[in-house]
Every structure is written in structure tokens, then in C-alpha cells.
Amino acid sequence: MTYQSAYAAAEPERSSVDAMAGLTLIEFGAPWCGHCIAAQEALQVLLGSQPAITHIKVEDGRGRPLGRSFRVKLWPTLVLLQDGVEIARAVRPRERSDLAGMLEAIDSSH
């Protein structure tokens, strides 16, 4: 799956996320969030070079259970999972260098 530009209409259940096989990148944010908008170019570059990663874009907010289960406090928060287990996280990335930890985790997962 490639980069998703739109936020999902409904967030997946945590049990579904935990059961996902392979690499999954969950992006928590909101379409009106300036930090989220600023992160999109770097995220597109990251995902453009990693077509095997499933990208799920979740609109987060007060009372949203998936974001709370991942302890999301700032947007965007990117959570990288390998077979449902968190292996990397980036909070408020602005450029590709802010995603270096994710790239390392992706490389290590292969």
C-alpha cells in the first residue's frame, strides 16, 4: 500500500491493528492540523521508497480509543508496527531527517 492522503472515515479496532502482519505505519493527526500538513511531504518520500508498508491515516481527537491506546499526545504521531508490535515512533516530524529512526527500524526489520 502506498501513501494515503485522506484520513480514514473510521479508525480500526486496536485488536485488528495488533493482528496486522508485516510493517504498518499508523499516522495519527487531523486534516486541519498545521503540523500534520507540514509532515506530509516527508511522509510521502518515506512511503514512496517503501511500498510494502501499509499506511493507515487515523483522524485522532478527544475520546478516540485507538489514539489513546497508543498514548498519542501530539500530532502528527507516526507509529511503525512490525506484526502488530511497535518498533519505532516519530512525533511531529517536519522533514525526512526526522524520520531517520523509522528508516533504521524498517531496514532492521528486513
C-alpha atoms as a PDB file:
ATOM      1  CA  MET A   1       0.000   0.000   0.000  1.00  0.00           C
ATOM      2  CA  THR A   2       1.227   3.454  -0.735  1.00  0.00           C
ATOM      3  CA  TYR A   3       0.836   6.826   0.938  1.00  0.00           C
ATOM      4  CA  GLN A   4      -2.736   7.612   1.947  1.00  0.00           C
ATOM      5  CA  SER A   5      -3.656  11.275   1.565  1.00  0.00           C
ATOM      6  CA  ALA A   6      -7.047  11.137   3.286  1.00  0.00           C
ATOM      7  CA  TYR A   7      -7.872  10.265   6.858  1.00  0.00           C
ATOM      8  CA  ALA A   8      -9.893   7.068   7.273  1.00  0.00           C
ATOM      9  CA  ALA A   9     -13.612   7.561   7.878  1.00  0.00           C
ATOM     10  CA  ALA A  10     -13.451   5.133  10.807  1.00  0.00           C
ATOM     11  CA  GLU A  11     -10.495   4.059  12.876  1.00  0.00           C
ATOM     12  CA  PRO A  12      -9.692   0.353  13.094  1.00  0.00           C
ATOM     13  CA  GLU A  13     -10.095  -1.536  16.357  1.00  0.00           C
ATOM     14  CA  ARG A  14      -6.894  -1.985  18.359  1.00  0.00           C
ATOM     15  CA  SER A  15      -7.252  -5.780  18.135  1.00  0.00           C
ATOM     16  CA  SER A  16      -7.263  -5.504  14.315  1.00  0.00           C
ATOM     17  CA  VAL A  17      -4.139  -3.331  14.370  1.00  0.00           C
ATOM     18  CA  ASP A  18      -2.371  -5.745  16.718  1.00  0.00           C
ATOM     19  CA  ALA A  19      -3.171  -8.615  14.328  1.00  0.00           C
ATOM     20  CA  MET A  20      -1.761  -6.907  11.206  1.00  0.00           C
ATOM     21  CA  ALA A  21       1.082  -8.807   9.567  1.00  0.00           C
ATOM     22  CA  GLY A  22       4.176  -7.093   8.226  1.00  0.00           C
ATOM     23  CA  LEU A  23       5.050  -3.421   8.510  1.00  0.00           C
ATOM     24  CA  THR A  24       2.246  -0.964   9.255  1.00  0.00           C
ATOM     25  CA  LEU A  25       2.601   2.778   9.716  1.00  0.00           C
ATOM     26  CA  ILE A  26      -0.236   4.413  11.628  1.00  0.00           C
ATOM     27  CA  GLU A  27      -0.389   8.171  11.287  1.00  0.00           C
ATOM     28  CA  PHE A  28      -2.418   9.949  13.970  1.00  0.00           C
ATOM     29  CA  GLY A  29      -3.441  13.532  13.237  1.00  0.00           C
ATOM     30  CA  ALA A  30      -6.161  15.765  11.853  1.00  0.00           C
ATOM     31  CA  PRO A  31      -6.740  17.279   8.405  1.00  0.00           C
ATOM     32  CA  TRP A  32      -6.740  20.845   9.781  1.00  0.00           C
ATOM     33  CA  CYS A  33      -3.566  20.421  11.906  1.00  0.00           C
ATOM     34  CA  GLY A  34      -0.701  22.592  10.634  1.00  0.00           C
ATOM     35  CA  HIS A  35       1.960  20.204  11.985  1.00  0.00           C
ATOM     36  CA  CYS A  36       0.223  17.306  10.210  1.00  0.00           C
ATOM     37  CA  ILE A  37       0.099  19.201   6.919  1.00  0.00           C
ATOM     38  CA  ALA A  38       3.789  20.140   7.248  1.00  0.00           C
ATOM     39  CA  ALA A  39       4.770  16.479   7.743  1.00  0.00           C
ATOM     40  CA  GLN A  40       3.114  15.186   4.572  1.00  0.00           C
ATOM     41  CA  GLU A  41       5.982  15.767   2.141  1.00  0.00           C
ATOM     42  CA  ALA A  42       8.499  13.848   4.285  1.00  0.00           C
ATOM     43  CA  LEU A  43       5.954  11.096   4.844  1.00  0.00           C
ATOM     44  CA  GLN A  44       5.285  10.778   1.111  1.00  0.00           C
ATOM     45  CA  VAL A  45       9.017  10.407   0.463  1.00  0.00           C
ATOM     46  CA  LEU A  46       9.367   7.773   3.188  1.00  0.00           C
ATOM     47  CA  LEU A  47       6.418   5.716   1.982  1.00  0.00           C
ATOM     48  CA  GLY A  48       7.316   6.180  -1.677  1.00  0.00           C
ATOM     49  CA  SER A  49      10.523   4.253  -1.068  1.00  0.00           C
ATOM     50  CA  GLN A  50       8.786   1.549   0.999  1.00  0.00           C
ATOM     51  CA  PRO A  51       5.820   0.139  -0.968  1.00  0.00           C
ATOM     52  CA  ALA A  52       5.456  -2.898   1.319  1.00  0.00           C
ATOM     53  CA  ILE A  53       4.385  -0.742   4.270  1.00  0.00           C
ATOM     54  CA  THR A  54       0.673  -0.486   4.985  1.00  0.00           C
ATOM     55  CA  HIS A  55      -0.170   3.163   5.757  1.00  0.00           C
ATOM     56  CA  ILE A  56      -3.207   3.900   7.907  1.00  0.00           C
ATOM     57  CA  LYS A  57      -4.089   7.548   8.410  1.00  0.00           C
ATOM     58  CA  VAL A  58      -6.280   7.967  11.508  1.00  0.00           C
ATOM     59  CA  GLU A  59      -8.037  11.187  12.434  1.00  0.00           C
ATOM     60  CA  ASP A  60      -7.380  11.483  16.141  1.00  0.00           C
ATOM     61  CA  GLY A  61      -9.061  13.515  18.833  1.00  0.00           C
ATOM     62  CA  ARG A  62     -10.545  13.521  22.297  1.00  0.00           C
ATOM     63  CA  GLY A  63     -12.164  10.232  23.162  1.00  0.00           C
ATOM     64  CA  ARG A  64     -10.754   8.342  20.175  1.00  0.00           C
ATOM     65  CA  PRO A  65      -9.781   4.941  21.585  1.00  0.00           C
ATOM     66  CA  LEU A  66      -7.059   3.960  19.108  1.00  0.00           C
ATOM     67  CA  GLY A  67      -5.002   7.100  19.684  1.00  0.00           C
ATOM     68  CA  ARG A  68      -5.412   6.783  23.442  1.00  0.00           C
ATOM     69  CA  SER A  69      -4.315   3.127  23.340  1.00  0.00           C
ATOM     70  CA  PHE A  70      -1.055   4.277  21.698  1.00  0.00           C
ATOM     71  CA  ARG A  71      -0.731   7.196  24.165  1.00  0.00           C
ATOM     72  CA  VAL A  72      -0.802   9.807  21.399  1.00  0.00           C
ATOM     73  CA  LYS A  73      -0.472  13.309  22.818  1.00  0.00           C
ATOM     74  CA  LEU A  74       0.801  15.418  19.882  1.00  0.00           C
ATOM     75  CA  TRP A  75       0.006  15.387  16.175  1.00  0.00           C
ATOM     76  CA  PRO A  76       1.148  14.014  13.974  1.00  0.00           C
ATOM     77  CA  THR A  77       2.363  10.925  15.733  1.00  0.00           C
ATOM     78  CA  LEU A  78       3.623   8.148  13.458  1.00  0.00           C
ATOM     79  CA  VAL A  79       3.734   4.660  14.933  1.00  0.00           C
ATOM     80  CA  LEU A  80       5.558   1.942  12.993  1.00  0.00           C
ATOM     81  CA  LEU A  81       4.479  -1.613  13.764  1.00  0.00           C
ATOM     82  CA  GLN A  82       6.039  -4.930  12.793  1.00  0.00           C
ATOM     83  CA  ASP A  83       3.434  -7.698  13.056  1.00  0.00           C
ATOM     84  CA  GLY A  84       1.378  -5.548  15.439  1.00  0.00           C
ATOM     85  CA  VAL A  85       4.266  -4.599  17.739  1.00  0.00           C
ATOM     86  CA  GLU A  86       5.584  -1.031  17.870  1.00  0.00           C
ATOM     87  CA  ILE A  87       9.169  -0.780  16.622  1.00  0.00           C
ATOM     88  CA  ALA A  88       9.510   2.979  16.061  1.00  0.00           C
ATOM     89  CA  ARG A  89       7.720   6.262  16.646  1.00  0.00           C
ATOM     90  CA  ALA A  90       8.085   9.806  15.343  1.00  0.00           C
ATOM     91  CA  VAL A  91       6.296  12.788  16.838  1.00  0.00           C
ATOM     92  CA  ARG A  92       5.822  15.971  14.799  1.00  0.00           C
ATOM     93  CA  PRO A  93       8.280  15.155  12.027  1.00  0.00           C
ATOM     94  CA  ARG A  94       8.882  18.035   9.646  1.00  0.00           C
ATOM     95  CA  GLU A  95      11.480  16.702   7.275  1.00  0.00           C
ATOM     96  CA  ARG A  96      12.937  13.414   6.162  1.00  0.00           C
ATOM     97  CA  SER A  97      15.766  13.553   8.731  1.00  0.00           C
ATOM     98  CA  ASP A  98      13.112  13.479  11.479  1.00  0.00           C
ATOM     99  CA  LEU A  99      12.157  10.030  10.195  1.00  0.00           C
ATOM    100  CA  ALA A 100      15.695   8.567  10.419  1.00  0.00           C
ATOM    101  CA  GLY A 101      14.713   6.323  13.335  1.00  0.00           C
ATOM    102  CA  MET A 102      11.851   4.914  11.313  1.00  0.00           C
ATOM    103  CA  LEU A 103      14.126   4.209   8.355  1.00  0.00           C
ATOM    104  CA  GLU A 104      16.560   2.385  10.640  1.00  0.00           C
ATOM    105  CA  ALA A 105      13.727   0.302  12.095  1.00  0.00           C
ATOM    106  CA  ILE A 106      12.448  -0.517   8.600  1.00  0.00           C
ATOM    107  CA  ASP A 107      15.926  -1.576   7.470  1.00  0.00           C
ATOM    108  CA  SER A 108      16.355  -3.730  10.585  1.00  0.00           C
ATOM    109  CA  SER A 109      13.012  -5.462  10.017  1.00  0.00           C
ATOM    110  CA  HIS A 110      14.080  -6.933   6.646  1.00  0.00           C
END
